[in-house]
Amino acid sequence: MTWQDEYHRKRLTVDEAVGLVESDTRIYVSGNAATPQVLLEALGQRTDVEGVEVCLLYTSDAADEEDSV
């Protein structure tokens, strides 16, 4: 099986992907500009799960020039 075949086998629709999320699950999201907003919106529309915690990792270069190495 080629990597392309494997990729196509693993692809999911948005609904299929968020349908895998169970109640009382913690999800880590990262990406800044690549944050999966469509997935997060779809997850927010689900009414059949509760206690889902979404942790957003955001990085920023907040160091002053004096503090830079």
N, C-alpha and C. Protein backbone atom coordinates (compact mmCIF):
# COMPACT_ATOMS: atom_id res chain seq x y z
N MET A 1 0.85 -1.18 0.00
CA MET A 1 0.00 0.00 0.00
C MET A 1 0.90 1.24 0.00
N THR A 2 0.60 2.17 -0.86
CA THR A 2 1.38 3.41 -0.92
C THR A 2 0.93 4.37 0.17
N TRP A 3 1.73 5.39 0.42
CA TRP A 3 1.35 6.37 1.43
C TRP A 3 0.08 7.11 1.00
N GLN A 4 -0.12 7.27 -0.32
CA GLN A 4 -1.33 7.93 -0.80
C GLN A 4 -2.57 7.09 -0.50
N ASP A 5 -2.45 5.78 -0.68
CA ASP A 5 -3.57 4.89 -0.36
C ASP A 5 -3.88 4.95 1.13
N GLU A 6 -2.84 4.94 1.95
CA GLU A 6 -3.01 5.01 3.41
C GLU A 6 -3.67 6.32 3.81
N TYR A 7 -3.22 7.41 3.19
CA TYR A 7 -3.81 8.73 3.46
C TYR A 7 -5.31 8.73 3.14
N HIS A 8 -5.67 8.27 1.98
CA HIS A 8 -7.09 8.25 1.58
C HIS A 8 -7.91 7.31 2.47
N ARG A 9 -7.31 6.24 2.95
CA ARG A 9 -8.01 5.31 3.85
C ARG A 9 -8.32 5.97 5.19
N LYS A 10 -7.44 6.85 5.65
CA LYS A 10 -7.59 7.47 6.96
C LYS A 10 -8.38 8.77 6.95
N ARG A 11 -8.65 9.34 5.80
CA ARG A 11 -9.36 10.61 5.72
C ARG A 11 -10.77 10.49 6.28
N LEU A 12 -11.20 11.54 6.98
CA LEU A 12 -12.53 11.59 7.56
C LEU A 12 -13.20 12.90 7.19
N THR A 13 -14.53 12.89 7.19
CA THR A 13 -15.25 14.14 7.06
C THR A 13 -15.20 14.85 8.42
N VAL A 14 -15.59 16.10 8.44
CA VAL A 14 -15.63 16.84 9.70
C VAL A 14 -16.55 16.13 10.70
N ASP A 15 -17.73 15.74 10.26
CA ASP A 15 -18.68 15.08 11.15
C ASP A 15 -18.14 13.74 11.67
N GLU A 16 -17.46 13.00 10.81
CA GLU A 16 -16.87 11.73 11.25
C GLU A 16 -15.79 11.98 12.29
N ALA A 17 -14.97 13.00 12.08
CA ALA A 17 -13.87 13.29 13.01
C ALA A 17 -14.40 13.71 14.37
N VAL A 18 -15.32 14.67 14.42
CA VAL A 18 -15.82 15.11 15.72
C VAL A 18 -16.73 14.06 16.34
N GLY A 19 -17.25 13.16 15.54
CA GLY A 19 -18.06 12.06 16.07
C GLY A 19 -17.25 11.08 16.90
N LEU A 20 -15.93 11.12 16.76
CA LEU A 20 -15.06 10.25 17.54
C LEU A 20 -14.82 10.77 18.96
N VAL A 21 -15.15 12.03 19.20
CA VAL A 21 -14.92 12.64 20.51
C VAL A 21 -15.98 12.14 21.48
N GLU A 22 -15.54 11.65 22.63
CA GLU A 22 -16.44 11.13 23.65
C GLU A 22 -16.55 12.12 24.80
N SER A 23 -17.58 11.97 25.61
CA SER A 23 -17.74 12.81 26.80
C SER A 23 -16.53 12.67 27.71
N ASP A 24 -16.27 13.74 28.47
CA ASP A 24 -15.18 13.79 29.44
C ASP A 24 -13.81 13.54 28.79
N THR A 25 -13.63 14.11 27.61
CA THR A 25 -12.38 13.99 26.87
C THR A 25 -11.66 15.33 26.90
N ARG A 26 -10.34 15.29 26.96
CA ARG A 26 -9.53 16.50 26.87
C ARG A 26 -8.87 16.50 25.50
N ILE A 27 -9.01 17.62 24.78
CA ILE A 27 -8.45 17.75 23.44
C ILE A 27 -7.44 18.89 23.45
N TYR A 28 -6.26 18.64 22.93
CA TYR A 28 -5.24 19.66 22.80
C TYR A 28 -5.21 20.16 21.36
N VAL A 29 -5.30 21.47 21.20
CA VAL A 29 -5.33 22.08 19.87
C VAL A 29 -4.16 23.05 19.78
N SER A 30 -3.47 23.03 18.68
CA SER A 30 -2.36 23.94 18.45
C SER A 30 -2.42 24.40 17.01
N GLY A 31 -1.68 25.42 16.73
CA GLY A 31 -1.57 25.78 15.33
C GLY A 31 -1.60 27.25 15.03
N ASN A 32 -1.98 28.09 15.98
CA ASN A 32 -2.08 29.52 15.74
C ASN A 32 -2.89 29.77 14.46
N ALA A 33 -2.24 30.02 13.35
CA ALA A 33 -2.98 30.27 12.10
C ALA A 33 -3.60 28.99 11.54
N ALA A 34 -3.14 27.84 11.99
CA ALA A 34 -3.64 26.57 11.48
C ALA A 34 -4.61 25.90 12.45
N THR A 35 -5.16 26.66 13.38
CA THR A 35 -6.13 26.10 14.33
C THR A 35 -7.31 25.55 13.54
N PRO A 36 -7.71 24.31 13.80
CA PRO A 36 -8.79 23.68 13.02
C PRO A 36 -10.17 24.23 13.41
N GLN A 37 -10.45 25.45 12.99
CA GLN A 37 -11.67 26.14 13.39
C GLN A 37 -12.93 25.40 12.95
N VAL A 38 -12.90 24.81 11.77
CA VAL A 38 -14.08 24.07 11.28
C VAL A 38 -14.38 22.90 12.21
N LEU A 39 -13.34 22.20 12.64
CA LEU A 39 -13.54 21.07 13.56
C LEU A 39 -14.05 21.56 14.91
N LEU A 40 -13.50 22.65 15.41
CA LEU A 40 -13.94 23.17 16.71
C LEU A 40 -15.39 23.65 16.65
N GLU A 41 -15.76 24.29 15.55
CA GLU A 41 -17.16 24.70 15.38
C GLU A 41 -18.09 23.51 15.37
N ALA A 42 -17.72 22.47 14.63
CA ALA A 42 -18.55 21.27 14.56
C ALA A 42 -18.64 20.59 15.92
N LEU A 43 -17.55 20.58 16.66
CA LEU A 43 -17.55 19.99 17.99
C LEU A 43 -18.49 20.78 18.91
N GLY A 44 -18.48 22.10 18.77
CA GLY A 44 -19.35 22.95 19.58
C GLY A 44 -20.83 22.75 19.28
N GLN A 45 -21.15 22.24 18.12
CA GLN A 45 -22.55 21.99 17.74
C GLN A 45 -23.09 20.68 18.29
N ARG A 46 -22.20 19.81 18.77
CA ARG A 46 -22.66 18.51 19.28
C ARG A 46 -23.38 18.70 20.60
N THR A 47 -24.50 18.03 20.74
CA THR A 47 -25.29 18.12 21.98
C THR A 47 -25.29 16.78 22.72
N ASP A 48 -24.63 15.79 22.15
CA ASP A 48 -24.66 14.45 22.75
C ASP A 48 -23.43 14.14 23.59
N VAL A 49 -22.53 15.12 23.77
CA VAL A 49 -21.36 14.92 24.62
C VAL A 49 -21.30 16.04 25.65
N GLU A 50 -20.67 15.76 26.78
CA GLU A 50 -20.50 16.78 27.80
C GLU A 50 -19.15 16.57 28.47
N GLY A 51 -18.66 17.63 29.10
CA GLY A 51 -17.39 17.53 29.81
C GLY A 51 -16.18 17.48 28.90
N VAL A 52 -16.32 17.97 27.68
CA VAL A 52 -15.19 18.00 26.76
C VAL A 52 -14.38 19.26 27.05
N GLU A 53 -13.10 19.08 27.34
CA GLU A 53 -12.21 20.19 27.63
C GLU A 53 -11.29 20.41 26.44
N VAL A 54 -11.28 21.64 25.92
CA VAL A 54 -10.42 21.97 24.80
C VAL A 54 -9.30 22.86 25.32
N CYS A 55 -8.07 22.40 25.18
CA CYS A 55 -6.89 23.15 25.63
C CYS A 55 -6.20 23.70 24.38
N LEU A 56 -6.09 25.01 24.31
CA LEU A 56 -5.49 25.67 23.15
C LEU A 56 -4.07 26.07 23.49
N LEU A 57 -3.13 25.61 22.70
CA LEU A 57 -1.74 25.97 22.86
C LEU A 57 -1.46 27.14 21.92
N TYR A 58 -1.06 28.25 22.50
CA TYR A 58 -0.76 29.43 21.71
C TYR A 58 0.64 29.89 22.05
N THR A 59 1.48 30.07 21.07
CA THR A 59 2.84 30.54 21.31
C THR A 59 3.01 31.93 20.72
N SER A 60 3.81 32.71 21.41
CA SER A 60 4.06 34.07 20.97
C SER A 60 5.47 34.45 21.37
N ASP A 61 6.12 35.24 20.56
CA ASP A 61 7.45 35.74 20.89
C ASP A 61 7.28 37.05 21.64
N ALA A 62 7.10 36.93 22.95
CA ALA A 62 6.84 38.10 23.77
C ALA A 62 8.10 38.62 24.45
N ALA A 63 9.25 38.04 24.16
CA ALA A 63 10.50 38.45 24.80
C ALA A 63 10.94 39.81 24.30
N ASP A 64 11.43 40.63 25.22
CA ASP A 64 12.00 41.93 24.83
C ASP A 64 13.33 41.67 24.13
N GLU A 65 13.76 42.65 23.33
CA GLU A 65 15.04 42.49 22.66
C GLU A 65 16.18 42.33 23.65
N GLU A 66 16.07 42.98 24.81
CA GLU A 66 17.11 42.87 25.83
C GLU A 66 17.22 41.45 26.36
N ASP A 67 16.11 40.72 26.37
CA ASP A 67 16.08 39.37 26.90
C ASP A 67 16.47 38.32 25.87
N SER A 68 16.55 38.73 24.60
CA SER A 68 16.85 37.77 23.53
C SER A 68 18.29 37.34 23.60
N VAL A 69 18.52 36.12 23.22
CA VAL A 69 19.88 35.58 23.23
C VAL A 69 20.45 35.69 21.84
